[in-house]
Every structure is written in C-alpha cells, then in structure tokens.
Amino acid sequence: MIAGAHHLTPTLLRKRLAAIDVRAIEPAARRRAAVVVAVTEAGFGADVPGTPAHAQWSTATALLLTRRAAGLSAHAGQWAMPGGRIDAGETPEQAALRELLEEVGLALPTDAICGRLDDYATRSDYVITPIVVWAGAARELTPNAAEVASIHRIPASELLRADAPLLNQEKGAEHPVLRMPVGERWIAAPTAAFIYQFREWCLLGRDTRVAHFDQPVFAWK
C-alpha cells in the first residue's frame, strides 16, 4: 500500500489522477450522465452494518455514497453516487456539481474538482462520466427526500479490503460482474466500478481499468 491511502490530501489526489490517462467513451446514440466521486472525511462512520462507528469525528479518507429513494422509478433503493443526466449545454463537471447540490445539499466551487475517472457504459444505455471532487469535511449534508433515502461515508479501509473486488459470472453477461463489499453488504457496478477504480488509482496508484466489467442482471434496466 502506498503512502496516504487512508488520509488523502487534495494535492495528492490531484497528482494521482493526473498520472493516469483517462479513457472516454463516445456516447453515439446513448444518453450521457455524470456522477460525483466525492472524497470526504469518515466522520462518525458509514452507518452500514459491519462497519465501525466513531465516538469522535474521524478525518480519515472516505467516499460519499447514497441509497436511492424507494419511490424512484429506476434503481430504487440501490447504492449510488450523487449524479444524473447531463443537461444540454452542460459539461460533466457542471452536471456533477449541480447534482451534488440537488441530492445532498453540498455546494462546492469548481476548484474542488480534482479530475475524472474512466467513462462507463451501462446496460441502461447511458455513458457515465465520474468526476472526482474534494468535498472536505462536508459536515452539513441534507438528503433530498425525493431522490435520496440516506447518505453514507464509506471509509478507505472498506475499499482496501482483501476480499475486494468481488467478481462473478452471470448468465447473459460476457464479462465478470463487479461488486465491492461494504460491511456485511455489497455494492454493484456501475457504482462499484467507480469505487474500485478510485481505490486503484487514488489510494493504490495503480492503472486499473473497469469499463469492461458488467453489471448484475437487476441493474440492466
């Protein structure tokens, strides 16, 4: 493990992202979306079974993840990163910051953007661009009840588990399905793909690609 894996700084994060060439996917007829890979502090814990709670605020590195609201028409209840469709005239970065504010109430300036991860094409006919941002402590977060059921701070220690990633083959999938374990649960691609590539690029300094990994069947719609 390289230095700083559990305690990233903005400078170190930008350096590691700049060291690897990002691969874009031509959308063609597919829709475009952006998600926010928000690097924050672990705080009081992830509030996920099997992960530690902290009596005092932890400044260790973590990622902000959400559980989607149960009433959504697509992917209800699933793990996600703040994000959504890129509007006409928007860049992926602009869309990412807008969605971050809309979903969890966190307003960040453009200089909080640290870089991108590789694009990922989903089974639901989207090309998603992950935008990595430095969110700082982000102590005041407010979930948008229409879209977000809960907000979680997933610590770097969970991303670095020896059993991550989880790979399995599903009927009808050409490539292995990627999942990332978190506590007693797991997160599926595409969110898991962004988490895993963040781990590889930003925590471990390894040029690892994820666009070929598939999603579980329940996420194909």
C-alpha atoms as a PDB file:
ATOM      1  CA  MET A   1       0.000   0.000   0.000  1.00  0.00           C
ATOM      2  CA  ILE A   2       1.342   3.408  -0.913  1.00  0.00           C
ATOM      3  CA  ALA A   3       1.587   6.361   1.455  1.00  0.00           C
ATOM      4  CA  GLY A   4      -1.541   8.362   2.174  1.00  0.00           C
ATOM      5  CA  ALA A   5      -4.040   5.639   1.294  1.00  0.00           C
ATOM      6  CA  HIS A   6      -6.097   6.300   4.421  1.00  0.00           C
ATOM      7  CA  HIS A   7      -5.502  10.066   4.557  1.00  0.00           C
ATOM      8  CA  LEU A   8      -5.532  11.673   1.127  1.00  0.00           C
ATOM      9  CA  THR A   9      -4.919  15.368   0.605  1.00  0.00           C
ATOM     10  CA  PRO A  10      -6.219  17.439  -2.327  1.00  0.00           C
ATOM     11  CA  THR A  11      -2.681  17.792  -3.679  1.00  0.00           C
ATOM     12  CA  LEU A  12      -2.009  14.066  -3.511  1.00  0.00           C
ATOM     13  CA  LEU A  13      -5.382  13.250  -5.032  1.00  0.00           C
ATOM     14  CA  ARG A  14      -4.830  15.564  -7.997  1.00  0.00           C
ATOM     15  CA  LYS A  15      -1.312  14.201  -8.502  1.00  0.00           C
ATOM     16  CA  ARG A  16      -2.516  10.598  -8.664  1.00  0.00           C
ATOM     17  CA  LEU A  17      -5.384  11.413 -11.011  1.00  0.00           C
ATOM     18  CA  ALA A  18      -3.078  13.392 -13.320  1.00  0.00           C
ATOM     19  CA  ALA A  19      -0.663  10.452 -13.552  1.00  0.00           C
ATOM     20  CA  ILE A  20      -3.130   8.247 -15.475  1.00  0.00           C
ATOM     21  CA  ASP A  21      -4.711   8.836 -18.877  1.00  0.00           C
ATOM     22  CA  VAL A  22      -8.492   8.919 -18.658  1.00  0.00           C
ATOM     23  CA  ARG A  23     -10.424   6.899 -21.243  1.00  0.00           C
ATOM     24  CA  ALA A  24     -13.593   8.448 -22.638  1.00  0.00           C
ATOM     25  CA  ILE A  25     -16.385   6.572 -24.399  1.00  0.00           C
ATOM     26  CA  GLU A  26     -18.092   8.080 -27.434  1.00  0.00           C
ATOM     27  CA  PRO A  27     -21.778   8.334 -26.462  1.00  0.00           C
ATOM     28  CA  ALA A  28     -23.097   7.880 -30.018  1.00  0.00           C
ATOM     29  CA  ALA A  29     -26.864   7.446 -29.508  1.00  0.00           C
ATOM     30  CA  ARG A  30     -26.566   6.760 -25.791  1.00  0.00           C
ATOM     31  CA  ARG A  31     -27.567   9.238 -23.117  1.00  0.00           C
ATOM     32  CA  ARG A  32     -24.894  10.999 -21.058  1.00  0.00           C
ATOM     33  CA  ALA A  33     -24.712  11.265 -17.285  1.00  0.00           C
ATOM     34  CA  ALA A  34     -22.208  12.290 -14.635  1.00  0.00           C
ATOM     35  CA  VAL A  35     -21.650  11.125 -11.077  1.00  0.00           C
ATOM     36  CA  VAL A  36     -19.666  12.669  -8.248  1.00  0.00           C
ATOM     37  CA  VAL A  37     -16.880  10.694  -6.606  1.00  0.00           C
ATOM     38  CA  ALA A  38     -16.815  12.923  -3.533  1.00  0.00           C
ATOM     39  CA  VAL A  39     -13.780  12.484  -1.290  1.00  0.00           C
ATOM     40  CA  THR A  40     -14.621  13.466   2.257  1.00  0.00           C
ATOM     41  CA  GLU A  41     -13.916  12.556   5.886  1.00  0.00           C
ATOM     42  CA  ALA A  42     -15.128   9.389   7.590  1.00  0.00           C
ATOM     43  CA  GLY A  43     -16.881  11.422  10.303  1.00  0.00           C
ATOM     44  CA  PHE A  44     -18.822   9.282  12.776  1.00  0.00           C
ATOM     45  CA  GLY A  45     -18.877   6.279  10.447  1.00  0.00           C
ATOM     46  CA  ALA A  46     -20.643   4.823   7.446  1.00  0.00           C
ATOM     47  CA  ASP A  47     -23.825   3.751   9.287  1.00  0.00           C
ATOM     48  CA  VAL A  48     -23.668   0.410   7.466  1.00  0.00           C
ATOM     49  CA  PRO A  49     -23.853  -2.948   9.311  1.00  0.00           C
ATOM     50  CA  GLY A  50     -20.379  -4.378   9.750  1.00  0.00           C
ATOM     51  CA  THR A  51     -18.552  -1.029   9.571  1.00  0.00           C
ATOM     52  CA  PRO A  52     -17.156   0.811  12.606  1.00  0.00           C
ATOM     53  CA  ALA A  53     -18.809   3.777  14.283  1.00  0.00           C
ATOM     54  CA  HIS A  54     -16.644   6.540  15.755  1.00  0.00           C
ATOM     55  CA  ALA A  55     -17.357   8.331  19.022  1.00  0.00           C
ATOM     56  CA  GLN A  56     -15.374  11.292  17.738  1.00  0.00           C
ATOM     57  CA  TRP A  57     -15.191  12.744  14.235  1.00  0.00           C
ATOM     58  CA  SER A  58     -12.662  10.866  12.060  1.00  0.00           C
ATOM     59  CA  THR A  59     -10.695  12.760   9.414  1.00  0.00           C
ATOM     60  CA  ALA A  60      -9.713   9.557   7.609  1.00  0.00           C
ATOM     61  CA  THR A  61     -10.490   9.437   3.889  1.00  0.00           C
ATOM     62  CA  ALA A  62     -13.971   8.303   2.846  1.00  0.00           C
ATOM     63  CA  LEU A  63     -16.320   8.474  -0.151  1.00  0.00           C
ATOM     64  CA  LEU A  64     -19.834   9.896  -0.059  1.00  0.00           C
ATOM     65  CA  LEU A  65     -22.411   7.372  -1.196  1.00  0.00           C
ATOM     66  CA  THR A  66     -26.196   7.395  -1.090  1.00  0.00           C
ATOM     67  CA  ARG A  67     -29.053   4.918  -1.080  1.00  0.00           C
ATOM     68  CA  ARG A  68     -31.599   5.880  -3.683  1.00  0.00           C
ATOM     69  CA  ALA A  69     -35.120   6.697  -2.503  1.00  0.00           C
ATOM     70  CA  ALA A  70     -37.621   3.831  -2.535  1.00  0.00           C
ATOM     71  CA  GLY A  71     -40.117   5.774  -4.646  1.00  0.00           C
ATOM     72  CA  LEU A  72     -37.866   6.308  -7.658  1.00  0.00           C
ATOM     73  CA  SER A  73     -38.968   4.750 -10.935  1.00  0.00           C
ATOM     74  CA  ALA A  74     -35.498   3.378 -11.717  1.00  0.00           C
ATOM     75  CA  HIS A  75     -32.932   1.684  -9.451  1.00  0.00           C
ATOM     76  CA  ALA A  76     -34.909   2.432  -6.294  1.00  0.00           C
ATOM     77  CA  GLY A  77     -33.091   1.580  -3.077  1.00  0.00           C
ATOM     78  CA  GLN A  78     -29.774   0.908  -4.781  1.00  0.00           C
ATOM     79  CA  TRP A  79     -26.382   2.277  -3.785  1.00  0.00           C
ATOM     80  CA  ALA A  80     -25.323   5.286  -5.827  1.00  0.00           C
ATOM     81  CA  MET A  81     -23.136   8.334  -6.031  1.00  0.00           C
ATOM     82  CA  PRO A  82     -24.774  11.746  -6.451  1.00  0.00           C
ATOM     83  CA  GLY A  83     -25.351  12.237 -10.143  1.00  0.00           C
ATOM     84  CA  GLY A  84     -27.728  12.230 -13.066  1.00  0.00           C
ATOM     85  CA  ARG A  85     -28.290  13.146 -16.674  1.00  0.00           C
ATOM     86  CA  ILE A  86     -26.127  15.867 -18.235  1.00  0.00           C
ATOM     87  CA  ASP A  87     -28.375  18.688 -19.396  1.00  0.00           C
ATOM     88  CA  ALA A  88     -27.975  20.384 -22.777  1.00  0.00           C
ATOM     89  CA  GLY A  89     -25.046  22.804 -22.706  1.00  0.00           C
ATOM     90  CA  GLU A  90     -23.559  21.342 -19.526  1.00  0.00           C
ATOM     91  CA  THR A  91     -20.138  19.782 -19.082  1.00  0.00           C
ATOM     92  CA  PRO A  92     -19.882  16.604 -16.977  1.00  0.00           C
ATOM     93  CA  GLU A  93     -18.231  18.698 -14.273  1.00  0.00           C
ATOM     94  CA  GLN A  94     -21.077  21.206 -14.194  1.00  0.00           C
ATOM     95  CA  ALA A  95     -23.656  18.436 -14.078  1.00  0.00           C
ATOM     96  CA  ALA A  96     -21.802  16.688 -11.257  1.00  0.00           C
ATOM     97  CA  LEU A  97     -21.656  19.785  -9.047  1.00  0.00           C
ATOM     98  CA  ARG A  98     -25.315  20.556  -9.767  1.00  0.00           C
ATOM     99  CA  GLU A  99     -26.401  17.036  -8.831  1.00  0.00           C
ATOM    100  CA  LEU A 100     -24.279  17.091  -5.668  1.00  0.00           C
ATOM    101  CA  LEU A 101     -26.119  20.204  -4.510  1.00  0.00           C
ATOM    102  CA  GLU A 102     -29.531  18.881  -5.529  1.00  0.00           C
ATOM    103  CA  GLU A 103     -29.168  15.453  -3.922  1.00  0.00           C
ATOM    104  CA  VAL A 104     -27.228  16.052  -0.698  1.00  0.00           C
ATOM    105  CA  GLY A 105     -27.208  19.840  -0.297  1.00  0.00           C
ATOM    106  CA  LEU A 106     -23.458  20.209  -0.740  1.00  0.00           C
ATOM    107  CA  ALA A 107     -22.331  23.258  -2.738  1.00  0.00           C
ATOM    108  CA  LEU A 108     -18.727  23.097  -3.943  1.00  0.00           C
ATOM    109  CA  PRO A 109     -16.740  25.558  -6.072  1.00  0.00           C
ATOM    110  CA  THR A 110     -15.280  24.487  -9.405  1.00  0.00           C
ATOM    111  CA  ASP A 111     -11.780  24.378  -7.921  1.00  0.00           C
ATOM    112  CA  ALA A 112     -12.912  21.433  -5.768  1.00  0.00           C
ATOM    113  CA  ILE A 113     -12.806  19.313  -8.935  1.00  0.00           C
ATOM    114  CA  CYS A 114      -9.716  17.099  -8.961  1.00  0.00           C
ATOM    115  CA  GLY A 115     -10.164  15.118 -12.167  1.00  0.00           C
ATOM    116  CA  ARG A 116     -12.059  12.297 -13.823  1.00  0.00           C
ATOM    117  CA  LEU A 117     -12.124   8.519 -13.813  1.00  0.00           C
ATOM    118  CA  ASP A 118     -12.832   6.441 -16.933  1.00  0.00           C
ATOM    119  CA  ASP A 119     -16.249   6.610 -18.571  1.00  0.00           C
ATOM    120  CA  TYR A 120     -18.525   3.616 -18.034  1.00  0.00           C
ATOM    121  CA  ALA A 121     -21.283   2.474 -20.412  1.00  0.00           C
ATOM    122  CA  THR A 122     -24.265   0.986 -18.595  1.00  0.00           C
ATOM    123  CA  ARG A 123     -26.775  -1.656 -19.637  1.00  0.00           C
ATOM    124  CA  SER A 124     -29.462   1.043 -19.364  1.00  0.00           C
ATOM    125  CA  ASP A 125     -27.893   2.851 -22.328  1.00  0.00           C
ATOM    126  CA  TYR A 126     -26.027   5.611 -20.502  1.00  0.00           C
ATOM    127  CA  VAL A 127     -22.405   6.672 -20.707  1.00  0.00           C
ATOM    128  CA  ILE A 128     -21.455   7.886 -17.231  1.00  0.00           C
ATOM    129  CA  THR A 129     -18.528  10.207 -16.562  1.00  0.00           C
ATOM    130  CA  PRO A 130     -17.237  10.079 -12.951  1.00  0.00           C
ATOM    131  CA  ILE A 131     -15.991  13.430 -11.620  1.00  0.00           C
ATOM    132  CA  VAL A 132     -13.695  13.301  -8.582  1.00  0.00           C
ATOM    133  CA  VAL A 133     -14.088  16.220  -6.164  1.00  0.00           C
ATOM    134  CA  TRP A 134     -12.549  17.186  -2.857  1.00  0.00           C
ATOM    135  CA  ALA A 135     -15.519  17.671  -0.533  1.00  0.00           C
ATOM    136  CA  GLY A 136     -13.614  18.406   2.688  1.00  0.00           C
ATOM    137  CA  ALA A 137     -15.352  17.534   5.948  1.00  0.00           C
ATOM    138  CA  ALA A 138     -18.830  18.048   4.447  1.00  0.00           C
ATOM    139  CA  ARG A 139     -20.362  18.053   7.922  1.00  0.00           C
ATOM    140  CA  GLU A 140     -23.687  19.581   6.868  1.00  0.00           C
ATOM    141  CA  LEU A 141     -25.441  17.302   4.397  1.00  0.00           C
ATOM    142  CA  THR A 142     -29.163  17.221   3.688  1.00  0.00           C
ATOM    143  CA  PRO A 143     -30.625  14.382   1.612  1.00  0.00           C
ATOM    144  CA  ASN A 144     -33.204  15.349  -0.984  1.00  0.00           C
ATOM    145  CA  ALA A 145     -36.060  13.095   0.138  1.00  0.00           C
ATOM    146  CA  ALA A 146     -37.402  12.743  -3.399  1.00  0.00           C
ATOM    147  CA  GLU A 147     -34.148  11.146  -4.565  1.00  0.00           C
ATOM    148  CA  VAL A 148     -32.063  10.064  -1.582  1.00  0.00           C
ATOM    149  CA  ALA A 149     -33.037   7.749   1.270  1.00  0.00           C
ATOM    150  CA  SER A 150     -29.744   8.061   3.187  1.00  0.00           C
ATOM    151  CA  ILE A 151     -26.164   9.340   2.931  1.00  0.00           C
ATOM    152  CA  HIS A 152     -23.129   7.267   3.921  1.00  0.00           C
ATOM    153  CA  ARG A 153     -19.407   7.899   4.371  1.00  0.00           C
ATOM    154  CA  ILE A 154     -17.619   4.759   3.174  1.00  0.00           C
ATOM    155  CA  PRO A 155     -14.091   4.721   4.659  1.00  0.00           C
ATOM    156  CA  ALA A 156     -10.985   3.914   2.657  1.00  0.00           C
ATOM    157  CA  SER A 157     -10.417   0.911   4.910  1.00  0.00           C
ATOM    158  CA  GLU A 158     -13.524  -0.715   3.392  1.00  0.00           C
ATOM    159  CA  LEU A 159     -12.341  -0.014  -0.142  1.00  0.00           C
ATOM    160  CA  LEU A 160      -8.997  -1.655   0.650  1.00  0.00           C
ATOM    161  CA  ARG A 161     -10.404  -4.922   1.975  1.00  0.00           C
ATOM    162  CA  ALA A 162      -8.591  -8.076   0.868  1.00  0.00           C
ATOM    163  CA  ASP A 163     -11.837  -9.540  -0.500  1.00  0.00           C
ATOM    164  CA  ALA A 164     -12.430  -6.600  -2.844  1.00  0.00           C
ATOM    165  CA  PRO A 165     -13.449  -6.648  -5.587  1.00  0.00           C
ATOM    166  CA  LEU A 166     -15.979  -9.466  -5.789  1.00  0.00           C
ATOM    167  CA  LEU A 167     -16.183 -10.934  -9.295  1.00  0.00           C
ATOM    168  CA  ASN A 168     -18.698 -13.447 -10.576  1.00  0.00           C
ATOM    169  CA  GLN A 169     -20.167 -14.548 -13.874  1.00  0.00           C
ATOM    170  CA  GLU A 170     -23.871 -14.172 -14.564  1.00  0.00           C
ATOM    171  CA  LYS A 171     -25.876 -15.791 -17.333  1.00  0.00           C
ATOM    172  CA  GLY A 172     -26.012 -13.493 -20.326  1.00  0.00           C
ATOM    173  CA  ALA A 173     -23.023 -11.393 -19.235  1.00  0.00           C
ATOM    174  CA  GLU A 174     -19.939 -11.514 -21.462  1.00  0.00           C
ATOM    175  CA  HIS A 175     -17.583 -10.232 -18.771  1.00  0.00           C
ATOM    176  CA  PRO A 176     -17.414 -10.740 -14.987  1.00  0.00           C
ATOM    177  CA  VAL A 177     -19.830  -8.764 -12.845  1.00  0.00           C
ATOM    178  CA  LEU A 178     -18.076  -6.379 -10.441  1.00  0.00           C
ATOM    179  CA  ARG A 179     -19.171  -5.793  -6.856  1.00  0.00           C
ATOM    180  CA  MET A 180     -17.461  -4.079  -3.918  1.00  0.00           C
ATOM    181  CA  PRO A 181     -18.015  -5.304  -0.339  1.00  0.00           C
ATOM    182  CA  VAL A 182     -19.021  -2.757   2.304  1.00  0.00           C
ATOM    183  CA  GLY A 183     -19.521  -4.086   5.819  1.00  0.00           C
ATOM    184  CA  GLU A 184     -21.896  -7.036   5.598  1.00  0.00           C
ATOM    185  CA  ARG A 185     -23.269  -5.874   2.256  1.00  0.00           C
ATOM    186  CA  TRP A 186     -22.021  -5.230  -1.256  1.00  0.00           C
ATOM    187  CA  ILE A 187     -22.376  -2.571  -3.939  1.00  0.00           C
ATOM    188  CA  ALA A 188     -22.849  -3.430  -7.614  1.00  0.00           C
ATOM    189  CA  ALA A 189     -21.470  -1.829 -10.771  1.00  0.00           C
ATOM    190  CA  PRO A 190     -21.630   0.797 -12.120  1.00  0.00           C
ATOM    191  CA  THR A 191     -21.176   2.423  -8.690  1.00  0.00           C
ATOM    192  CA  ALA A 192     -18.826  -0.391  -7.674  1.00  0.00           C
ATOM    193  CA  ALA A 193     -16.764   0.196 -10.816  1.00  0.00           C
ATOM    194  CA  PHE A 194     -16.178   3.829  -9.848  1.00  0.00           C
ATOM    195  CA  ILE A 195     -15.349   2.858  -6.267  1.00  0.00           C
ATOM    196  CA  TYR A 196     -12.895   0.196  -7.403  1.00  0.00           C
ATOM    197  CA  GLN A 197     -11.145   2.444  -9.902  1.00  0.00           C
ATOM    198  CA  PHE A 198     -10.909   5.201  -7.293  1.00  0.00           C
ATOM    199  CA  ARG A 199      -9.293   2.684  -4.947  1.00  0.00           C
ATOM    200  CA  GLU A 200      -6.821   1.571  -7.611  1.00  0.00           C
ATOM    201  CA  TRP A 201      -5.908   4.996  -8.979  1.00  0.00           C
ATOM    202  CA  CYS A 202      -6.169   7.268  -5.961  1.00  0.00           C
ATOM    203  CA  LEU A 203      -5.444   5.016  -2.980  1.00  0.00           C
ATOM    204  CA  LEU A 204      -3.029   2.497  -4.504  1.00  0.00           C
ATOM    205  CA  GLY A 205      -1.570   4.325  -7.501  1.00  0.00           C
ATOM    206  CA  ARG A 206      -2.350   1.510  -9.953  1.00  0.00           C
ATOM    207  CA  ASP A 207      -3.506   1.992 -13.549  1.00  0.00           C
ATOM    208  CA  THR A 208      -6.532  -0.326 -13.429  1.00  0.00           C
ATOM    209  CA  ARG A 209      -9.405  -0.255 -15.925  1.00  0.00           C
ATOM    210  CA  VAL A 210     -13.028  -1.108 -15.141  1.00  0.00           C
ATOM    211  CA  ALA A 211     -15.152  -0.297 -18.202  1.00  0.00           C
ATOM    212  CA  HIS A 212     -15.249  -3.954 -19.262  1.00  0.00           C
ATOM    213  CA  PHE A 213     -16.809  -5.210 -16.028  1.00  0.00           C
ATOM    214  CA  ASP A 214     -20.506  -5.967 -16.233  1.00  0.00           C
ATOM    215  CA  GLN A 215     -23.467  -5.158 -14.004  1.00  0.00           C
ATOM    216  CA  PRO A 216     -25.763  -7.653 -12.242  1.00  0.00           C
ATOM    217  CA  VAL A 217     -28.955  -8.503 -14.110  1.00  0.00           C
ATOM    218  CA  PHE A 218     -31.165  -6.388 -11.811  1.00  0.00           C
ATOM    219  CA  ALA A 219     -29.289  -3.274 -12.979  1.00  0.00           C
ATOM    220  CA  TRP A 220     -29.721  -3.933 -16.703  1.00  0.00           C
ATOM    221  CA  LYS A 221     -32.949  -1.915 -16.946  1.00  0.00           C
END
